[in-house]
Amino acid sequence: MPRWLVPVCLLLACLPAAQAEETLPEFSTAYGVERDPFVDGRTALALAKASGRHVLIELGGDWCVWCHRLDGFLASKPALHQALHNAFVLLKVNVSEENDNAEFLKDFPRALGYPHMYVSDTDGNLLQSQDTAQFIIDNRYAEKPFYDFIERWGPKPASP
């Protein structure tokens, strides 16, 4: 086998994951202190409506250890990551001393910890306020609670 074949194969194996990440809007991949959640929210709702998904609003920030753990957990579970993004348009909203986004969050139920999630339908109606501690088993995120959440709060197929 040619020596160059192994590195090329490794590179090609990484492409699908990299391409999937590239297709996500910036508001789905990072908490932006400077981002406007009203603008991002309108874009997320339009994208959700066009794709038949719900919107999953995730509150947190770069300061949040469990937010980083959640990102790492989802990145390590490609099937779960895909299932989550098939059901939801993810909108990450920064909550920090620099920008608490209080105006955007004033009508939402209070979050008791971070990350915290809200689910909305394509019309912006709040369906669920979710404490992510419920996704933790033995002090780490677990797949089953996430799949249960996706099943319960993801969009339902249209009835014939």
Protein backbone atom coordinates (compact mmCIF):
# COMPACT_ATOMS: atom_id res chain seq x y z
CA MET A 1 0.00 0.00 0.00
CA PRO A 2 1.38 3.47 -0.86
CA ARG A 3 2.52 5.51 2.18
CA TRP A 4 0.34 8.47 1.19
CA LEU A 5 -2.85 6.37 1.22
CA VAL A 6 -3.22 6.16 5.02
CA PRO A 7 -3.15 9.95 5.63
CA VAL A 8 -5.56 10.51 2.73
CA CYS A 9 -7.97 7.91 4.12
CA LEU A 10 -7.82 9.50 7.57
CA LEU A 11 -8.53 12.91 6.09
CA LEU A 12 -11.48 11.59 4.10
CA ALA A 13 -12.88 9.87 7.19
CA CYS A 14 -12.98 13.22 9.00
CA LEU A 15 -14.74 15.09 6.20
CA PRO A 16 -18.36 14.07 6.91
CA ALA A 17 -18.16 15.30 10.52
CA ALA A 18 -16.44 18.50 9.47
CA GLN A 19 -18.95 19.09 6.68
CA ALA A 20 -21.89 18.51 9.04
CA GLU A 21 -20.46 21.08 11.45
CA GLU A 22 -19.90 23.56 8.61
CA THR A 23 -23.57 23.41 7.62
CA LEU A 24 -24.72 24.58 11.05
CA PRO A 25 -25.28 28.31 11.49
CA GLU A 26 -22.87 30.10 13.81
CA PHE A 27 -25.63 30.56 16.41
CA SER A 28 -25.85 26.75 16.63
CA THR A 29 -22.17 26.21 17.37
CA ALA A 30 -21.06 28.93 19.80
CA TYR A 31 -22.32 31.25 22.51
CA GLY A 32 -21.63 34.72 21.20
CA VAL A 33 -21.48 37.53 23.74
CA GLU A 34 -22.02 40.00 20.90
CA ARG A 35 -24.78 38.02 19.10
CA ASP A 36 -28.35 39.35 19.03
CA PRO A 37 -30.68 36.50 20.07
CA PHE A 38 -33.67 38.32 18.56
CA VAL A 39 -32.06 38.30 15.11
CA ASP A 40 -30.70 34.78 15.55
CA GLY A 41 -34.06 33.63 16.91
CA ARG A 42 -35.95 34.89 13.85
CA THR A 43 -33.45 33.11 11.61
CA ALA A 44 -33.72 29.91 13.69
CA LEU A 45 -37.54 30.01 13.51
CA ALA A 46 -37.48 30.49 9.73
CA LEU A 47 -34.99 27.64 9.33
CA ALA A 48 -37.08 25.41 11.62
CA LYS A 49 -40.24 26.18 9.69
CA ALA A 50 -38.55 25.48 6.34
CA SER A 51 -37.07 22.19 7.57
CA GLY A 52 -39.93 20.87 9.73
CA ARG A 53 -37.99 21.06 12.99
CA HIS A 54 -38.49 22.74 16.36
CA VAL A 55 -36.13 25.30 17.87
CA LEU A 56 -33.95 24.27 20.81
CA ILE A 57 -32.69 27.31 22.70
CA GLU A 58 -29.64 26.50 24.80
CA LEU A 59 -28.61 29.02 27.45
CA GLY A 60 -25.02 29.06 28.64
CA GLY A 61 -21.67 30.61 27.94
CA ASP A 62 -17.98 30.07 27.47
CA TRP A 63 -17.59 30.31 31.27
CA CYS A 64 -19.87 27.27 31.80
CA VAL A 65 -18.05 23.99 32.51
CA TRP A 66 -21.16 21.86 31.94
CA CYS A 67 -21.79 23.66 28.63
CA HIS A 68 -18.35 22.55 27.44
CA ARG A 69 -19.02 19.04 28.73
CA LEU A 70 -22.30 18.98 26.81
CA ASP A 71 -20.57 20.10 23.60
CA GLY A 72 -17.89 17.43 24.07
CA PHE A 73 -20.46 14.75 24.83
CA LEU A 74 -22.51 15.52 21.72
CA ALA A 75 -19.37 15.69 19.57
CA SER A 76 -18.40 12.22 20.81
CA LYS A 77 -21.81 10.76 19.91
CA PRO A 78 -22.30 11.38 16.16
CA ALA A 79 -25.64 9.55 15.95
CA LEU A 80 -27.06 11.53 18.88
CA HIS A 81 -25.63 14.78 17.49
CA GLN A 82 -27.32 14.05 14.16
CA ALA A 83 -30.63 13.07 15.81
CA LEU A 84 -30.63 16.30 17.82
CA HIS A 85 -29.99 18.45 14.76
CA ASN A 86 -32.54 16.49 12.70
CA ALA A 87 -35.21 17.35 15.26
CA PHE A 88 -34.14 20.87 16.27
CA VAL A 89 -32.53 24.04 15.04
CA LEU A 90 -30.14 24.79 17.89
CA LEU A 91 -29.96 28.41 19.04
CA LYS A 92 -27.22 29.02 21.61
CA VAL A 93 -27.87 32.13 23.70
CA ASN A 94 -25.11 33.64 25.81
CA VAL A 95 -25.81 34.34 29.48
CA SER A 96 -22.85 36.00 31.19
CA GLU A 97 -21.77 39.11 33.08
CA GLU A 98 -20.84 40.72 29.75
CA ASN A 99 -24.29 40.05 28.26
CA ASP A 100 -27.09 38.39 30.19
CA ASN A 101 -29.61 38.81 27.33
CA ALA A 102 -32.21 39.71 29.96
CA GLU A 103 -34.50 41.42 27.44
CA PHE A 104 -34.62 38.30 25.27
CA LEU A 105 -35.16 36.00 28.26
CA LYS A 106 -37.66 38.10 30.23
CA ASP A 107 -40.71 36.07 29.14
CA PHE A 108 -39.07 32.66 29.56
CA PRO A 109 -39.29 30.59 32.75
CA ARG A 110 -36.27 31.20 34.96
CA ALA A 111 -33.28 28.92 34.41
CA LEU A 112 -31.91 27.49 37.65
CA GLY A 113 -28.64 26.26 36.15
CA TYR A 114 -26.66 26.10 32.94
CA PRO A 115 -26.81 24.89 30.33
CA HIS A 116 -30.59 25.24 30.24
CA MET A 117 -32.81 24.46 27.28
CA TYR A 118 -36.13 25.69 25.96
CA VAL A 119 -38.05 24.10 23.11
CA SER A 120 -40.27 26.17 20.85
CA ASP A 121 -42.38 25.27 17.86
CA THR A 122 -42.02 27.06 14.53
CA ASP A 123 -44.42 29.80 15.65
CA GLY A 124 -42.26 30.62 18.67
CA ASN A 125 -44.59 29.01 21.22
CA LEU A 126 -42.70 27.66 24.23
CA LEU A 127 -43.23 23.91 24.53
CA GLN A 128 -40.73 22.98 27.25
CA SER A 129 -38.26 24.41 29.74
CA GLN A 130 -35.60 21.76 30.36
CA ASP A 131 -33.01 21.51 33.11
CA THR A 132 -30.09 19.66 31.53
CA ALA A 133 -29.22 18.09 34.90
CA GLN A 134 -31.92 15.57 33.95
CA PHE A 135 -29.60 14.35 31.17
CA ILE A 136 -26.87 13.47 33.69
CA ILE A 137 -26.38 9.97 35.07
CA ASP A 138 -23.42 9.16 37.34
CA ASN A 139 -22.09 12.71 37.02
CA ARG A 140 -21.92 12.67 33.20
CA TYR A 141 -24.26 13.22 30.29
CA ALA A 142 -26.01 10.06 29.11
CA GLU A 143 -27.49 9.17 25.72
CA LYS A 144 -30.84 7.69 26.78
CA PRO A 145 -32.24 10.83 28.43
CA PHE A 146 -31.30 12.82 25.31
CA TYR A 147 -32.99 10.36 22.98
CA ASP A 148 -36.08 10.40 25.24
CA PHE A 149 -36.06 14.21 25.12
CA ILE A 150 -35.77 14.24 21.32
CA GLU A 151 -38.62 11.72 21.03
CA ARG A 152 -40.87 13.70 23.36
CA TRP A 153 -40.12 17.27 22.24
CA GLY A 154 -39.03 16.91 18.64
CA PRO A 155 -41.61 17.58 15.93
CA LYS A 156 -44.17 14.87 15.29
CA PRO A 157 -44.81 13.54 11.78
CA ALA A 158 -47.89 15.06 10.15
CA SER A 159 -51.01 12.90 10.28
CA PRO A 160 -52.38 11.72 6.90
